N, C-alpha and C. Protein backbone atom coordinates (compact mmCIF):
# COMPACT_ATOMS: atom_id res chain seq x y z
N MET A 1 -1.71 -19.70 -28.05
CA MET A 1 -0.48 -19.54 -28.81
C MET A 1 0.68 -19.45 -27.82
N PRO A 2 1.59 -20.41 -27.85
CA PRO A 2 2.72 -20.39 -26.91
C PRO A 2 3.76 -19.34 -27.33
N PHE A 3 4.37 -18.72 -26.33
CA PHE A 3 5.43 -17.76 -26.58
C PHE A 3 6.75 -18.39 -26.18
N ASN A 4 7.82 -17.99 -26.85
CA ASN A 4 9.15 -18.55 -26.58
C ASN A 4 10.09 -17.46 -26.11
N CYS A 5 10.98 -17.85 -25.20
CA CYS A 5 12.00 -16.95 -24.68
C CYS A 5 12.88 -16.48 -25.83
N THR A 6 13.10 -15.16 -25.91
CA THR A 6 13.94 -14.63 -26.99
C THR A 6 15.42 -14.91 -26.76
N ILE A 7 15.79 -15.41 -25.57
CA ILE A 7 17.19 -15.68 -25.27
C ILE A 7 17.53 -17.15 -25.50
N CYS A 8 16.68 -18.07 -24.99
CA CYS A 8 17.02 -19.49 -25.11
C CYS A 8 16.01 -20.29 -25.92
N GLY A 9 14.84 -19.74 -26.19
CA GLY A 9 13.86 -20.45 -27.00
C GLY A 9 12.88 -21.31 -26.21
N GLU A 10 13.06 -21.43 -24.88
CA GLU A 10 12.11 -22.20 -24.07
C GLU A 10 10.77 -21.47 -24.04
N GLU A 11 9.72 -22.22 -23.65
CA GLU A 11 8.40 -21.61 -23.55
C GLU A 11 8.43 -20.54 -22.46
N SER A 12 7.79 -19.41 -22.72
CA SER A 12 7.79 -18.34 -21.73
C SER A 12 6.37 -17.81 -21.52
N THR A 13 6.15 -17.33 -20.31
CA THR A 13 4.86 -16.72 -19.98
C THR A 13 5.07 -15.34 -19.40
N ARG A 14 6.28 -14.82 -19.43
CA ARG A 14 6.61 -13.53 -18.84
C ARG A 14 7.29 -12.65 -19.87
N ILE A 15 7.33 -11.35 -19.58
CA ILE A 15 8.05 -10.43 -20.45
C ILE A 15 8.97 -9.56 -19.59
N CYS A 16 10.00 -9.06 -20.20
CA CYS A 16 10.94 -8.15 -19.55
C CYS A 16 10.24 -6.80 -19.36
N VAL A 17 10.36 -6.24 -18.14
CA VAL A 17 9.72 -4.95 -17.87
C VAL A 17 10.44 -3.80 -18.57
N TRP A 18 11.64 -4.04 -19.05
CA TRP A 18 12.43 -2.98 -19.68
C TRP A 18 12.25 -2.98 -21.20
N CYS A 19 12.46 -4.13 -21.83
CA CYS A 19 12.41 -4.18 -23.30
C CYS A 19 11.15 -4.88 -23.82
N THR A 20 10.37 -5.49 -22.94
CA THR A 20 9.11 -6.21 -23.24
C THR A 20 9.31 -7.43 -24.13
N LYS A 21 10.50 -8.01 -24.14
CA LYS A 21 10.72 -9.26 -24.88
C LYS A 21 10.16 -10.42 -24.07
N ASP A 22 9.72 -11.48 -24.75
CA ASP A 22 9.28 -12.69 -24.07
C ASP A 22 10.50 -13.33 -23.42
N THR A 23 10.31 -13.76 -22.15
CA THR A 23 11.42 -14.29 -21.37
C THR A 23 10.96 -15.45 -20.50
N CYS A 24 11.80 -16.48 -20.38
CA CYS A 24 11.49 -17.59 -19.47
C CYS A 24 11.95 -17.23 -18.07
N ALA A 25 11.56 -18.01 -17.09
CA ALA A 25 11.93 -17.74 -15.70
C ALA A 25 13.44 -17.79 -15.48
N ASN A 26 14.16 -18.57 -16.29
CA ASN A 26 15.62 -18.67 -16.14
C ASN A 26 16.34 -17.40 -16.58
N HIS A 27 15.71 -16.58 -17.40
CA HIS A 27 16.35 -15.38 -17.92
C HIS A 27 15.65 -14.11 -17.45
N LEU A 28 14.88 -14.19 -16.36
CA LEU A 28 14.20 -13.02 -15.83
C LEU A 28 14.70 -12.79 -14.40
N CYS A 29 15.19 -11.59 -14.13
CA CYS A 29 15.72 -11.27 -12.81
C CYS A 29 14.57 -11.08 -11.83
N ALA A 30 14.62 -11.79 -10.71
CA ALA A 30 13.57 -11.68 -9.70
C ALA A 30 13.66 -10.35 -8.96
N LYS A 31 14.81 -9.71 -8.99
CA LYS A 31 14.99 -8.46 -8.27
C LYS A 31 14.44 -7.26 -9.06
N CYS A 32 14.78 -7.17 -10.34
CA CYS A 32 14.37 -5.98 -11.10
C CYS A 32 13.31 -6.27 -12.16
N GLY A 33 13.06 -7.53 -12.49
CA GLY A 33 12.05 -7.88 -13.48
C GLY A 33 12.51 -7.75 -14.92
N ARG A 34 13.79 -7.53 -15.11
CA ARG A 34 14.34 -7.40 -16.48
C ARG A 34 14.92 -8.72 -16.95
N CYS A 35 15.00 -8.89 -18.27
CA CYS A 35 15.63 -10.09 -18.82
C CYS A 35 17.14 -10.00 -18.61
N SER A 36 17.84 -11.09 -18.81
CA SER A 36 19.29 -11.09 -18.55
C SER A 36 20.04 -10.18 -19.52
N ASP A 37 19.45 -9.83 -20.66
CA ASP A 37 20.09 -8.88 -21.58
C ASP A 37 20.01 -7.45 -21.03
N CYS A 38 18.95 -7.12 -20.32
CA CYS A 38 18.72 -5.75 -19.84
C CYS A 38 19.10 -5.55 -18.37
N CYS A 39 19.20 -6.63 -17.61
CA CYS A 39 19.42 -6.55 -16.16
C CYS A 39 20.77 -5.92 -15.84
N GLU A 40 20.77 -5.00 -14.88
CA GLU A 40 22.00 -4.37 -14.43
C GLU A 40 22.35 -4.75 -13.00
N CYS A 41 21.61 -5.72 -12.44
CA CYS A 41 21.91 -6.19 -11.08
C CYS A 41 23.22 -6.96 -11.09
N GLU A 42 23.88 -6.98 -9.95
CA GLU A 42 25.15 -7.70 -9.86
C GLU A 42 24.91 -9.12 -9.37
N VAL A 43 24.20 -9.90 -10.16
CA VAL A 43 23.90 -11.29 -9.85
C VAL A 43 24.78 -12.16 -10.75
N PRO A 44 25.55 -13.09 -10.19
CA PRO A 44 26.37 -13.96 -11.04
C PRO A 44 25.50 -14.76 -12.00
N LEU A 45 26.02 -15.02 -13.20
CA LEU A 45 25.25 -15.74 -14.22
C LEU A 45 24.95 -17.17 -13.82
N ASP A 46 25.80 -17.79 -12.98
CA ASP A 46 25.55 -19.18 -12.61
C ASP A 46 24.52 -19.31 -11.49
N GLN A 47 24.11 -18.20 -10.87
CA GLN A 47 23.09 -18.24 -9.83
C GLN A 47 21.72 -18.34 -10.51
N PRO A 48 20.85 -19.24 -10.04
CA PRO A 48 19.53 -19.34 -10.66
C PRO A 48 18.78 -18.02 -10.55
N MET A 49 18.18 -17.60 -11.65
CA MET A 49 17.49 -16.32 -11.68
C MET A 49 16.13 -16.37 -10.99
N HIS A 50 15.52 -17.55 -10.87
CA HIS A 50 14.20 -17.62 -10.26
C HIS A 50 14.27 -17.65 -8.73
N ALA A 51 15.45 -17.82 -8.16
CA ALA A 51 15.60 -17.81 -6.70
C ALA A 51 15.65 -16.37 -6.22
N ALA A 52 15.24 -16.15 -5.01
CA ALA A 52 15.28 -14.80 -4.44
C ALA A 52 16.73 -14.39 -4.26
N PRO A 53 17.08 -13.17 -4.63
CA PRO A 53 18.47 -12.73 -4.49
C PRO A 53 18.84 -12.57 -3.03
N ALA A 54 20.12 -12.80 -2.75
CA ALA A 54 20.61 -12.67 -1.37
C ALA A 54 20.59 -11.20 -0.98
N VAL A 55 20.20 -10.93 0.23
CA VAL A 55 20.16 -9.55 0.72
C VAL A 55 21.37 -9.34 1.61
N HIS A 56 22.14 -8.33 1.27
CA HIS A 56 23.33 -8.00 2.05
C HIS A 56 22.97 -6.89 3.03
N GLU A 57 23.78 -6.74 4.08
CA GLU A 57 23.50 -5.73 5.09
C GLU A 57 23.42 -4.33 4.49
N HIS A 58 24.27 -4.02 3.52
CA HIS A 58 24.27 -2.68 2.95
C HIS A 58 23.12 -2.47 1.97
N ASP A 59 22.49 -3.54 1.49
CA ASP A 59 21.37 -3.42 0.56
C ASP A 59 20.05 -3.14 1.28
N ALA A 60 19.88 -3.74 2.43
CA ALA A 60 18.58 -3.66 3.11
C ALA A 60 18.52 -2.40 3.96
N ALA A 61 17.47 -1.63 3.75
CA ALA A 61 17.24 -0.45 4.58
C ALA A 61 16.54 -0.89 5.85
N PRO A 62 16.89 -0.31 6.97
CA PRO A 62 16.21 -0.70 8.21
C PRO A 62 14.73 -0.33 8.14
N VAL A 63 13.92 -1.23 8.62
CA VAL A 63 12.48 -0.99 8.61
C VAL A 63 12.08 -0.48 9.99
N PRO A 64 11.58 0.75 10.04
CA PRO A 64 11.21 1.28 11.36
C PRO A 64 9.96 0.58 11.89
N GLU A 65 9.91 0.44 13.20
CA GLU A 65 8.75 -0.19 13.81
C GLU A 65 7.61 0.82 13.80
N PRO A 66 6.40 0.34 13.59
CA PRO A 66 5.28 1.29 13.57
C PRO A 66 5.06 1.91 14.94
N ALA A 67 4.61 3.15 14.93
CA ALA A 67 4.34 3.85 16.19
C ALA A 67 3.14 3.21 16.85
N PRO A 68 3.16 3.10 18.18
CA PRO A 68 2.00 2.51 18.85
C PRO A 68 0.78 3.40 18.68
N VAL A 69 -0.36 2.78 18.54
CA VAL A 69 -1.60 3.51 18.38
C VAL A 69 -2.19 3.75 19.76
N PRO A 70 -2.36 5.02 20.15
CA PRO A 70 -2.91 5.28 21.47
C PRO A 70 -4.39 4.90 21.53
N GLU A 71 -4.80 4.47 22.73
CA GLU A 71 -6.20 4.13 22.90
C GLU A 71 -7.01 5.42 22.95
N PRO A 72 -8.20 5.42 22.36
CA PRO A 72 -8.99 6.65 22.38
C PRO A 72 -9.47 6.96 23.80
N ALA A 73 -9.60 8.25 24.07
CA ALA A 73 -10.07 8.68 25.39
C ALA A 73 -11.54 8.30 25.53
N PRO A 74 -11.96 7.96 26.75
CA PRO A 74 -13.36 7.59 26.93
C PRO A 74 -14.27 8.79 26.67
N VAL A 75 -15.43 8.51 26.11
CA VAL A 75 -16.40 9.57 25.82
C VAL A 75 -17.14 9.88 27.11
N PRO A 76 -17.17 11.16 27.52
CA PRO A 76 -17.85 11.49 28.78
C PRO A 76 -19.37 11.32 28.62
N GLU A 77 -19.99 10.93 29.72
CA GLU A 77 -21.44 10.78 29.75
C GLU A 77 -22.06 12.16 29.71
N PRO A 78 -23.18 12.34 29.00
CA PRO A 78 -23.82 13.67 29.01
C PRO A 78 -24.40 13.95 30.40
N ALA A 79 -24.39 15.22 30.77
CA ALA A 79 -24.91 15.62 32.08
C ALA A 79 -26.42 15.38 32.10
N PRO A 80 -26.95 14.98 33.25
CA PRO A 80 -28.39 14.75 33.31
C PRO A 80 -29.15 16.05 33.11
N ILE A 81 -30.29 15.95 32.47
CA ILE A 81 -31.11 17.13 32.20
C ILE A 81 -31.93 17.43 33.44
N GLU A 82 -31.80 18.65 33.91
CA GLU A 82 -32.55 19.06 35.10
C GLU A 82 -33.92 19.55 34.66
N GLU A 83 -34.92 19.12 35.37
CA GLU A 83 -36.26 19.60 35.05
C GLU A 83 -36.45 20.94 35.75
N THR A 84 -36.98 21.89 35.01
CA THR A 84 -37.22 23.22 35.57
C THR A 84 -38.71 23.50 35.54
N ALA A 85 -39.13 24.40 36.39
CA ALA A 85 -40.54 24.78 36.42
C ALA A 85 -40.84 25.55 35.15
N PRO A 86 -42.06 25.36 34.61
CA PRO A 86 -42.38 26.10 33.38
C PRO A 86 -42.39 27.60 33.66
N VAL A 87 -41.90 28.33 32.71
CA VAL A 87 -41.83 29.79 32.83
C VAL A 87 -43.17 30.34 32.35
N GLU A 88 -43.79 31.15 33.21
CA GLU A 88 -45.07 31.75 32.81
C GLU A 88 -44.77 32.94 31.93
N SER A 89 -45.50 33.02 30.86
CA SER A 89 -45.27 34.13 29.96
C SER A 89 -46.24 35.26 30.30
N ALA A 90 -45.84 36.48 30.03
CA ALA A 90 -46.66 37.66 30.29
C ALA A 90 -47.83 37.66 29.31
N PRO A 91 -49.00 38.18 29.73
CA PRO A 91 -50.14 38.23 28.81
C PRO A 91 -49.81 39.15 27.63
N PRO A 92 -50.38 38.87 26.47
CA PRO A 92 -50.06 39.72 25.31
C PRO A 92 -50.59 41.13 25.51
N GLU A 93 -49.87 42.07 24.98
CA GLU A 93 -50.28 43.48 25.09
C GLU A 93 -51.45 43.73 24.16
N PRO A 94 -52.42 44.52 24.60
CA PRO A 94 -53.59 44.79 23.74
C PRO A 94 -53.18 45.61 22.53
N ASP A 95 -53.87 45.37 21.42
CA ASP A 95 -53.61 46.11 20.17
C ASP A 95 -54.34 47.45 20.27
N LEU A 96 -53.63 48.53 20.24
CA LEU A 96 -54.20 49.86 20.41
C LEU A 96 -54.60 50.49 19.09
N GLY A 97 -54.69 49.87 18.10
CA GLY A 97 -55.14 50.37 16.79
C GLY A 97 -54.67 51.79 16.51
N ALA A 98 -54.29 52.06 15.43
CA ALA A 98 -53.72 53.35 15.11
C ALA A 98 -54.69 54.33 14.61
């Protein structure tokens, strides 16, 4: 079932994010996603709506560069296990019965 733009009647496959009316690409703002009836962007009407809006210096926020990722410290090698002489255990004490 084809849908038609509520503004001009052309076939549409999109809806306004504000009022949810069916809208064609010519009447949908690429910046805010609203139809031309709901859009509050300062885009001239003769500018094509499907083109990306021009970005002005005051509109764009500076993008900070990501912090460098430090290289992980090397994992130290485990110390070698020293072999020790077996410990002799004392003989068990005799049971003196009570």
